[in-house]
C-alpha cells in the first residue's frame, strides 16, 4: 500500500469513527435527560440493558418482569407503572433493582 493510499484509508477511518460518535452522543444525552431506568416492568427479551446477574444486556431477560432487568421509561413515570405477575399479584416499577 502506498503512502498516499495509507493516508486516505486512515482519513476515511477517522471520519467514520467521528461520525459514529457524533451521531450517538446527542441521542444518549437526550435519552438520559428525559428517561429513567425502571426495574421489574420489562417483558422477557424486551429489557433495555443489564440485569443483576440473570442477563447482561438488551433483550436478554429470560422471564417477564425480572426484578433486576430494566427498561427506559419517561422520567417520573416508573414508580406509577404497575405490572400483573403470573401469580395474580401486582407490583410497581422501581428505580433500583428489586430485592427478594
Protein backbone atom coordinates (compact mmCIF):
# COMPACT_ATOMS: atom_id res chain seq x y z
CA UNK A 1 0.00 0.00 0.00
CA UNK A 2 1.40 3.39 -0.96
CA UNK A 3 1.88 6.22 1.48
CA UNK A 4 -0.98 8.17 -0.15
CA UNK A 5 -3.35 5.18 -0.02
CA UNK A 6 -2.48 4.61 3.62
CA UNK A 7 -3.24 8.25 4.49
CA UNK A 8 -6.57 8.11 2.62
CA UNK A 9 -7.55 4.93 4.44
CA UNK A 10 -6.68 6.44 7.84
CA UNK A 11 -8.59 9.63 7.00
CA UNK A 12 -11.65 7.60 5.98
CA UNK A 13 -11.48 5.59 9.20
CA UNK A 14 -11.14 8.72 11.33
CA UNK A 15 -14.13 10.30 9.56
CA UNK A 16 -16.26 7.19 10.10
CA UNK A 17 -15.38 7.00 13.79
CA UNK A 18 -16.04 10.71 14.26
CA UNK A 19 -19.40 10.45 12.54
CA UNK A 20 -20.41 7.47 14.69
CA UNK A 21 -19.54 9.36 17.86
CA UNK A 22 -21.37 12.49 16.71
CA UNK A 23 -24.49 10.52 15.83
CA UNK A 24 -24.64 8.54 19.07
CA UNK A 25 -23.78 11.31 21.54
CA UNK A 26 -26.88 13.54 21.22
CA UNK A 27 -29.22 10.54 21.47
CA UNK A 28 -27.51 9.33 24.62
CA UNK A 29 -27.65 12.76 26.21
CA UNK A 30 -31.32 13.19 25.33
CA UNK A 31 -32.17 9.65 26.40
CA UNK A 32 -30.76 10.19 29.87
CA UNK A 33 -32.30 13.67 30.17
CA UNK A 34 -35.93 12.67 29.69
CA UNK A 35 -35.88 8.97 30.56
CA UNK A 36 -35.07 6.83 33.58
CA UNK A 37 -34.35 3.17 34.24
CA UNK A 38 -37.35 1.30 35.55
CA UNK A 39 -36.76 -2.13 37.10
CA UNK A 40 -39.21 -5.01 37.17
CA UNK A 41 -41.52 -3.96 34.34
CA UNK A 42 -40.00 -5.37 31.14
CA UNK A 43 -41.25 -8.44 29.36
CA UNK A 44 -38.89 -11.34 28.62
CA UNK A 45 -36.48 -10.33 25.87
CA UNK A 46 -37.63 -6.69 25.94
CA UNK A 47 -35.34 -5.22 28.61
CA UNK A 48 -33.12 -2.30 27.56
CA UNK A 49 -30.00 -3.45 29.33
CA UNK A 50 -28.17 -5.02 32.23
CA UNK A 51 -29.86 -7.03 34.87
CA UNK A 52 -28.41 -8.10 38.16
CA UNK A 53 -26.88 -11.47 37.39
CA UNK A 54 -29.55 -13.03 35.18
CA UNK A 55 -28.56 -11.41 31.88
CA UNK A 56 -26.08 -8.91 30.58
CA UNK A 57 -27.73 -6.52 28.18
CA UNK A 58 -30.57 -5.52 25.88
CA UNK A 59 -33.13 -8.16 25.04
CA UNK A 60 -31.65 -10.90 27.21
CA UNK A 61 -34.12 -11.07 30.13
CA UNK A 62 -35.41 -14.64 30.28
CA UNK A 63 -38.61 -14.01 32.23
CA UNK A 64 -41.35 -11.37 32.34
CA UNK A 65 -40.91 -8.65 34.96
CA UNK A 66 -37.42 -9.79 36.08
CA UNK A 67 -36.70 -7.85 39.28
CA UNK A 68 -33.23 -6.91 38.08
CA UNK A 69 -33.93 -6.13 34.42
CA UNK A 70 -34.64 -2.52 33.49
CA UNK A 71 -36.30 -0.65 30.68
CA UNK A 72 -36.14 3.06 29.83
CA UNK A 73 -39.38 4.91 30.55
CA UNK A 74 -40.36 8.58 30.57
CA UNK A 75 -38.84 10.36 33.57
CA UNK A 76 -41.21 10.44 36.54
CA UNK A 77 -43.42 7.55 35.40
CA UNK A 78 -41.60 4.45 36.66
CA UNK A 79 -42.98 4.19 40.18
CA UNK A 80 -46.55 4.62 38.93
CA UNK A 81 -46.27 1.69 36.47
CA UNK A 82 -47.96 -1.48 37.64
CA UNK A 83 -47.48 -4.99 36.27
CA UNK A 84 -49.53 -8.10 36.94
CA UNK A 85 -47.40 -11.10 37.89
CA UNK A 86 -48.08 -14.75 36.97
CA UNK A 87 -49.39 -15.49 40.47
CA UNK A 88 -52.04 -12.78 40.05
CA UNK A 89 -50.40 -10.26 42.36
CA UNK A 90 -49.30 -6.79 41.21
CA UNK A 91 -46.02 -4.93 41.55
CA UNK A 92 -44.99 -1.35 40.84
CA UNK A 93 -41.92 -0.38 38.82
CA UNK A 94 -38.84 0.59 40.83
CA UNK A 95 -35.92 2.96 40.29
CA UNK A 96 -33.50 0.40 41.77
CA UNK A 97 -33.25 -3.39 41.32
CA UNK A 98 -35.99 -5.09 43.32
CA UNK A 99 -34.72 -7.25 46.18
CA UNK A 100 -36.01 -10.70 47.04
